[in-house]
Amino acid sequence: MPFLRNRNLIIILMFGSIIALVVHFAIIAAYGFRDQLPVSATKITDRYCVPMFHQNWKLFAPDLPKYDVQLAYRYNRNQSWSGWSDITESCGFSRFSKMETIEQGFNTQLAWQVVNNYYARDGRAQFDRMVQSPAYANSLFYVLKMHQLNVDSIKPDSVQIKLKFVFTPPPDQAHSIQSSELEFPVYAPI
């Protein structure tokens, strides 16, 4: 191989590889301590690390979730509402199936919308920011598609979804469980 005989090229490649490894490990280390970094730095570390290297656990101190969230729905057909049910469970999938994992992705996105975009005006809950979000549209699509494929092929007149939050109790109060539900406005498919 004639290009390997060129000593300067070999030195440049080795030097470039070492610099790339140093930068890689510096970004990984910064990502590990991202809570102490400014937002501008976390944007860079997240962009590099999340797609390939993110792990949702901490080696010595796990970060327990603040809540568990489940998606429930009901539908209206011929002026009659069904009862509330978990969409994945009502379609025959277990709590540990891959479909539940997919549902949890939608739940996480919708819960983020609730935490960041839920507000009240004049004592009334405002859903405008949440129902205009892609997370709400994705959750509705998931519910309607799962209902059509697994429950009933006839499109319902309207559908309503709700999120049920079960909060993680503090360690000294592990016997107590708090839950809260948030019902979204009724959606009528076209």
C-alpha atoms as a PDB file:
ATOM      1  CA  MET A   1       0.000   0.000   0.000  1.00  0.00           C
ATOM      2  CA  PRO A   2       1.735   3.091  -1.231  1.00  0.00           C
ATOM      3  CA  PHE A   3      -0.175   5.597   0.952  1.00  0.00           C
ATOM      4  CA  LEU A   4       1.053   3.838   4.128  1.00  0.00           C
ATOM      5  CA  ARG A   5       4.638   4.525   3.089  1.00  0.00           C
ATOM      6  CA  ASN A   6       4.046   8.208   3.357  1.00  0.00           C
ATOM      7  CA  ARG A   7       5.178   8.900   6.918  1.00  0.00           C
ATOM      8  CA  ASN A   8       3.508  12.312   7.140  1.00  0.00           C
ATOM      9  CA  LEU A   9       0.105  10.841   6.237  1.00  0.00           C
ATOM     10  CA  ILE A  10       0.434   8.172   8.941  1.00  0.00           C
ATOM     11  CA  ILE A  11       1.327  10.800  11.552  1.00  0.00           C
ATOM     12  CA  ILE A  12      -1.608  12.999  10.513  1.00  0.00           C
ATOM     13  CA  LEU A  13      -4.021  10.033  10.702  1.00  0.00           C
ATOM     14  CA  MET A  14      -2.750   8.993  14.131  1.00  0.00           C
ATOM     15  CA  PHE A  15      -2.870  12.560  15.439  1.00  0.00           C
ATOM     16  CA  GLY A  16      -6.396  13.030  14.059  1.00  0.00           C
ATOM     17  CA  SER A  17      -7.543   9.746  15.637  1.00  0.00           C
ATOM     18  CA  ILE A  18      -6.157  10.744  19.028  1.00  0.00           C
ATOM     19  CA  ILE A  19      -7.860  14.150  18.847  1.00  0.00           C
ATOM     20  CA  ALA A  20     -11.162  12.499  17.845  1.00  0.00           C
ATOM     21  CA  LEU A  21     -10.946  10.088  20.819  1.00  0.00           C
ATOM     22  CA  VAL A  22     -10.130  12.898  23.255  1.00  0.00           C
ATOM     23  CA  VAL A  23     -13.069  14.995  21.996  1.00  0.00           C
ATOM     24  CA  HIS A  24     -15.368  11.946  22.126  1.00  0.00           C
ATOM     25  CA  PHE A  25     -14.500  11.093  25.729  1.00  0.00           C
ATOM     26  CA  ALA A  26     -14.671  14.751  26.793  1.00  0.00           C
ATOM     27  CA  ILE A  27     -18.218  15.039  25.423  1.00  0.00           C
ATOM     28  CA  ILE A  28     -19.214  11.732  27.065  1.00  0.00           C
ATOM     29  CA  ALA A  29     -17.801  12.938  30.412  1.00  0.00           C
ATOM     30  CA  ALA A  30     -19.620  16.267  30.057  1.00  0.00           C
ATOM     31  CA  TYR A  31     -22.837  14.392  29.305  1.00  0.00           C
ATOM     32  CA  GLY A  32     -22.408  12.423  32.514  1.00  0.00           C
ATOM     33  CA  PHE A  33     -22.340  15.683  34.490  1.00  0.00           C
ATOM     34  CA  ARG A  34     -24.917  17.539  32.394  1.00  0.00           C
ATOM     35  CA  ASP A  35     -26.924  18.736  35.390  1.00  0.00           C
ATOM     36  CA  GLN A  36     -24.052  21.055  36.324  1.00  0.00           C
ATOM     37  CA  LEU A  37     -23.541  22.442  32.809  1.00  0.00           C
ATOM     38  CA  PRO A  38     -25.148  25.482  31.203  1.00  0.00           C
ATOM     39  CA  VAL A  39     -27.961  24.907  28.706  1.00  0.00           C
ATOM     40  CA  SER A  40     -25.774  25.821  25.724  1.00  0.00           C
ATOM     41  CA  ALA A  41     -23.334  23.022  26.621  1.00  0.00           C
ATOM     42  CA  THR A  42     -26.062  20.451  27.265  1.00  0.00           C
ATOM     43  CA  LYS A  43     -27.483  21.079  23.797  1.00  0.00           C
ATOM     44  CA  ILE A  44     -24.154  20.019  22.300  1.00  0.00           C
ATOM     45  CA  THR A  45     -23.695  16.999  24.557  1.00  0.00           C
ATOM     46  CA  ASP A  46     -27.311  15.860  24.085  1.00  0.00           C
ATOM     47  CA  ARG A  47     -27.091  16.144  20.331  1.00  0.00           C
ATOM     48  CA  TYR A  48     -24.006  13.923  20.287  1.00  0.00           C
ATOM     49  CA  CYS A  49     -24.781  11.450  23.089  1.00  0.00           C
ATOM     50  CA  VAL A  50     -28.538  10.817  23.179  1.00  0.00           C
ATOM     51  CA  PRO A  51     -28.935   9.015  19.836  1.00  0.00           C
ATOM     52  CA  MET A  52     -26.139   6.518  20.449  1.00  0.00           C
ATOM     53  CA  PHE A  53     -25.004   6.478  24.079  1.00  0.00           C
ATOM     54  CA  HIS A  54     -27.923   7.446  26.345  1.00  0.00           C
ATOM     55  CA  GLN A  55     -28.870   5.000  29.092  1.00  0.00           C
ATOM     56  CA  ASN A  56     -31.833   5.618  31.338  1.00  0.00           C
ATOM     57  CA  TRP A  57     -30.136   4.560  34.556  1.00  0.00           C
ATOM     58  CA  LYS A  58     -27.497   5.758  36.952  1.00  0.00           C
ATOM     59  CA  LEU A  59     -24.882   3.290  38.174  1.00  0.00           C
ATOM     60  CA  PHE A  60     -24.871   4.129  41.885  1.00  0.00           C
ATOM     61  CA  ALA A  61     -28.034   6.148  42.450  1.00  0.00           C
ATOM     62  CA  PRO A  62     -30.990   5.365  40.200  1.00  0.00           C
ATOM     63  CA  ASP A  63     -33.203   8.296  39.416  1.00  0.00           C
ATOM     64  CA  LEU A  64     -36.631   6.954  40.305  1.00  0.00           C
ATOM     65  CA  PRO A  65     -39.461   8.208  38.135  1.00  0.00           C
ATOM     66  CA  LYS A  66     -41.712  10.769  39.780  1.00  0.00           C
ATOM     67  CA  TYR A  67     -44.817   9.084  38.398  1.00  0.00           C
ATOM     68  CA  ASP A  68     -46.130   6.286  36.213  1.00  0.00           C
ATOM     69  CA  VAL A  69     -48.627   7.278  33.556  1.00  0.00           C
ATOM     70  CA  GLN A  70     -51.241   5.189  31.756  1.00  0.00           C
ATOM     71  CA  LEU A  71     -53.405   6.108  28.788  1.00  0.00           C
ATOM     72  CA  ALA A  72     -57.112   5.308  28.930  1.00  0.00           C
ATOM     73  CA  TYR A  73     -59.821   5.986  26.376  1.00  0.00           C
ATOM     74  CA  ARG A  74     -63.540   5.759  25.835  1.00  0.00           C
ATOM     75  CA  TYR A  75     -65.591   6.107  22.688  1.00  0.00           C
ATOM     76  CA  ASN A  76     -69.086   7.191  21.764  1.00  0.00           C
ATOM     77  CA  ARG A  77     -71.228   5.360  19.252  1.00  0.00           C
ATOM     78  CA  ASN A  78     -74.946   5.858  18.699  1.00  0.00           C
ATOM     79  CA  GLN A  79     -75.238   8.370  21.576  1.00  0.00           C
ATOM     80  CA  SER A  80     -73.737   5.920  24.089  1.00  0.00           C
ATOM     81  CA  TRP A  81     -70.312   6.137  25.765  1.00  0.00           C
ATOM     82  CA  SER A  82     -68.252   3.061  26.491  1.00  0.00           C
ATOM     83  CA  GLY A  83     -66.475   2.680  29.820  1.00  0.00           C
ATOM     84  CA  TRP A  84     -62.897   3.868  30.307  1.00  0.00           C
ATOM     85  CA  SER A  85     -60.287   1.246  29.415  1.00  0.00           C
ATOM     86  CA  ASP A  86     -56.563   0.997  28.844  1.00  0.00           C
ATOM     87  CA  ILE A  87     -56.162   0.811  25.068  1.00  0.00           C
ATOM     88  CA  THR A  88     -53.297  -1.676  24.994  1.00  0.00           C
ATOM     89  CA  GLU A  89     -54.920  -3.931  27.579  1.00  0.00           C
ATOM     90  CA  SER A  90     -58.325  -3.806  25.861  1.00  0.00           C
ATOM     91  CA  CYS A  91     -56.658  -4.908  22.627  1.00  0.00           C
ATOM     92  CA  GLY A  92     -55.369  -8.065  24.325  1.00  0.00           C
ATOM     93  CA  PHE A  93     -51.747  -7.081  24.940  1.00  0.00           C
ATOM     94  CA  SER A  94     -50.084  -7.700  28.289  1.00  0.00           C
ATOM     95  CA  ARG A  95     -48.511  -5.017  30.462  1.00  0.00           C
ATOM     96  CA  PHE A  96     -45.061  -6.319  29.468  1.00  0.00           C
ATOM     97  CA  SER A  97     -45.606  -6.504  25.703  1.00  0.00           C
ATOM     98  CA  LYS A  98     -43.901  -4.374  23.066  1.00  0.00           C
ATOM     99  CA  MET A  99     -47.188  -2.590  22.427  1.00  0.00           C
ATOM    100  CA  GLU A 100     -47.160  -1.354  26.025  1.00  0.00           C
ATOM    101  CA  THR A 101     -43.666   0.020  25.393  1.00  0.00           C
ATOM    102  CA  ILE A 102     -44.971   1.877  22.339  1.00  0.00           C
ATOM    103  CA  GLU A 103     -47.891   3.223  24.387  1.00  0.00           C
ATOM    104  CA  GLN A 104     -45.477   4.411  27.086  1.00  0.00           C
ATOM    105  CA  GLY A 105     -43.677   6.480  24.446  1.00  0.00           C
ATOM    106  CA  PHE A 106     -46.930   8.273  23.634  1.00  0.00           C
ATOM    107  CA  ASN A 107     -47.730   8.598  27.345  1.00  0.00           C
ATOM    108  CA  THR A 108     -44.358  10.189  28.055  1.00  0.00           C
ATOM    109  CA  GLN A 109     -44.786  12.753  25.281  1.00  0.00           C
ATOM    110  CA  LEU A 110     -48.324  13.609  26.371  1.00  0.00           C
ATOM    111  CA  ALA A 111     -47.320  13.789  30.048  1.00  0.00           C
ATOM    112  CA  TRP A 112     -44.579  16.250  29.070  1.00  0.00           C
ATOM    113  CA  GLN A 113     -47.243  18.387  27.412  1.00  0.00           C
ATOM    114  CA  VAL A 114     -49.350  18.275  30.572  1.00  0.00           C
ATOM    115  CA  VAL A 115     -46.438  19.238  32.820  1.00  0.00           C
ATOM    116  CA  ASN A 116     -45.309  22.097  30.573  1.00  0.00           C
ATOM    117  CA  ASN A 117     -48.497  23.356  28.875  1.00  0.00           C
ATOM    118  CA  TYR A 118     -51.377  22.791  31.299  1.00  0.00           C
ATOM    119  CA  TYR A 119     -52.701  26.003  32.803  1.00  0.00           C
ATOM    120  CA  ALA A 120     -55.907  27.550  34.102  1.00  0.00           C
ATOM    121  CA  ARG A 121     -57.594  30.810  33.185  1.00  0.00           C
ATOM    122  CA  ASP A 122     -60.457  32.187  35.252  1.00  0.00           C
ATOM    123  CA  GLY A 123     -60.569  28.944  37.224  1.00  0.00           C
ATOM    124  CA  ARG A 124     -61.016  26.760  34.124  1.00  0.00           C
ATOM    125  CA  ALA A 125     -58.505  24.284  32.719  1.00  0.00           C
ATOM    126  CA  GLN A 126     -57.073  25.278  29.362  1.00  0.00           C
ATOM    127  CA  PHE A 127     -56.193  22.517  26.905  1.00  0.00           C
ATOM    128  CA  ASP A 128     -55.417  24.627  23.831  1.00  0.00           C
ATOM    129  CA  ARG A 129     -51.629  24.176  23.898  1.00  0.00           C
ATOM    130  CA  MET A 130     -51.837  20.449  24.594  1.00  0.00           C
ATOM    131  CA  VAL A 131     -54.440  19.543  21.966  1.00  0.00           C
ATOM    132  CA  GLN A 132     -52.468  21.418  19.301  1.00  0.00           C
ATOM    133  CA  SER A 133     -49.322  19.405  20.037  1.00  0.00           C
ATOM    134  CA  PRO A 134     -48.039  16.478  17.984  1.00  0.00           C
ATOM    135  CA  ALA A 135     -48.035  14.400  21.192  1.00  0.00           C
ATOM    136  CA  TYR A 136     -51.824  14.697  21.494  1.00  0.00           C
ATOM    137  CA  ALA A 137     -52.298  13.945  17.783  1.00  0.00           C
ATOM    138  CA  ASN A 138     -50.025  10.893  18.053  1.00  0.00           C
ATOM    139  CA  SER A 139     -51.897   9.602  21.111  1.00  0.00           C
ATOM    140  CA  LEU A 140     -55.256  10.012  19.388  1.00  0.00           C
ATOM    141  CA  PHE A 141     -53.985   8.304  16.244  1.00  0.00           C
ATOM    142  CA  TYR A 142     -52.635   5.406  18.328  1.00  0.00           C
ATOM    143  CA  VAL A 143     -55.934   5.020  20.185  1.00  0.00           C
ATOM    144  CA  LEU A 144     -58.072   5.236  17.043  1.00  0.00           C
ATOM    145  CA  LYS A 145     -55.849   2.858  15.052  1.00  0.00           C
ATOM    146  CA  MET A 146     -55.627   0.276  17.867  1.00  0.00           C
ATOM    147  CA  HIS A 147     -59.396   0.490  18.351  1.00  0.00           C
ATOM    148  CA  GLN A 148     -59.996   0.003  14.628  1.00  0.00           C
ATOM    149  CA  LEU A 149     -57.574  -2.931  14.327  1.00  0.00           C
ATOM    150  CA  ASN A 150     -58.360  -4.797  17.541  1.00  0.00           C
ATOM    151  CA  VAL A 151     -61.700  -3.726  19.014  1.00  0.00           C
ATOM    152  CA  ASP A 152     -64.132  -2.622  16.307  1.00  0.00           C
ATOM    153  CA  SER A 153     -63.539  -1.743  12.655  1.00  0.00           C
ATOM    154  CA  ILE A 154     -66.395   0.797  12.657  1.00  0.00           C
ATOM    155  CA  LYS A 155     -65.131   4.300  13.381  1.00  0.00           C
ATOM    156  CA  PRO A 156     -66.571   5.741  16.624  1.00  0.00           C
ATOM    157  CA  ASP A 157     -68.572   8.990  16.569  1.00  0.00           C
ATOM    158  CA  SER A 158     -66.175  10.532  19.074  1.00  0.00           C
ATOM    159  CA  VAL A 159     -63.357   9.509  21.380  1.00  0.00           C
ATOM    160  CA  GLN A 160     -61.896  10.873  24.590  1.00  0.00           C
ATOM    161  CA  ILE A 161     -58.553  10.090  26.168  1.00  0.00           C
ATOM    162  CA  LYS A 162     -57.274  10.596  29.682  1.00  0.00           C
ATOM    163  CA  LEU A 163     -53.957  10.194  31.413  1.00  0.00           C
ATOM    164  CA  LYS A 164     -53.804   8.504  34.795  1.00  0.00           C
ATOM    165  CA  PHE A 165     -50.793   9.533  36.863  1.00  0.00           C
ATOM    166  CA  VAL A 166     -49.688   7.284  39.741  1.00  0.00           C
ATOM    167  CA  PHE A 167     -47.089   9.193  41.729  1.00  0.00           C
ATOM    168  CA  THR A 168     -44.057   7.484  43.248  1.00  0.00           C
ATOM    169  CA  PRO A 169     -44.360   7.795  47.031  1.00  0.00           C
ATOM    170  CA  PRO A 170     -41.403   9.005  49.104  1.00  0.00           C
ATOM    171  CA  PRO A 171     -39.330   6.126  50.584  1.00  0.00           C
ATOM    172  CA  ASP A 172     -40.657   6.766  54.100  1.00  0.00           C
ATOM    173  CA  GLN A 173     -44.253   6.624  52.827  1.00  0.00           C
ATOM    174  CA  ALA A 174     -44.051   3.639  50.497  1.00  0.00           C
ATOM    175  CA  HIS A 175     -47.442   2.391  51.687  1.00  0.00           C
ATOM    176  CA  SER A 176     -49.245   5.461  50.331  1.00  0.00           C
ATOM    177  CA  ILE A 177     -50.187   5.821  46.682  1.00  0.00           C
ATOM    178  CA  GLN A 178     -51.412   9.028  45.119  1.00  0.00           C
ATOM    179  CA  SER A 179     -53.075   9.066  41.741  1.00  0.00           C
ATOM    180  CA  SER A 180     -54.559  11.746  39.575  1.00  0.00           C
ATOM    181  CA  GLU A 181     -56.412  11.705  36.269  1.00  0.00           C
ATOM    182  CA  LEU A 182     -56.654  14.298  33.531  1.00  0.00           C
ATOM    183  CA  GLU A 183     -59.419  13.952  30.939  1.00  0.00           C
ATOM    184  CA  PHE A 184     -58.813  15.654  27.611  1.00  0.00           C
ATOM    185  CA  PRO A 185     -61.621  17.222  25.573  1.00  0.00           C
ATOM    186  CA  VAL A 186     -63.792  14.974  23.413  1.00  0.00           C
ATOM    187  CA  TYR A 187     -62.476  14.500  19.872  1.00  0.00           C
ATOM    188  CA  ALA A 188     -64.812  13.783  16.975  1.00  0.00           C
ATOM    189  CA  PRO A 189     -63.012  12.116  14.025  1.00  0.00           C
ATOM    190  CA  ILE A 190     -63.933  13.379  10.587  1.00  0.00           C
END
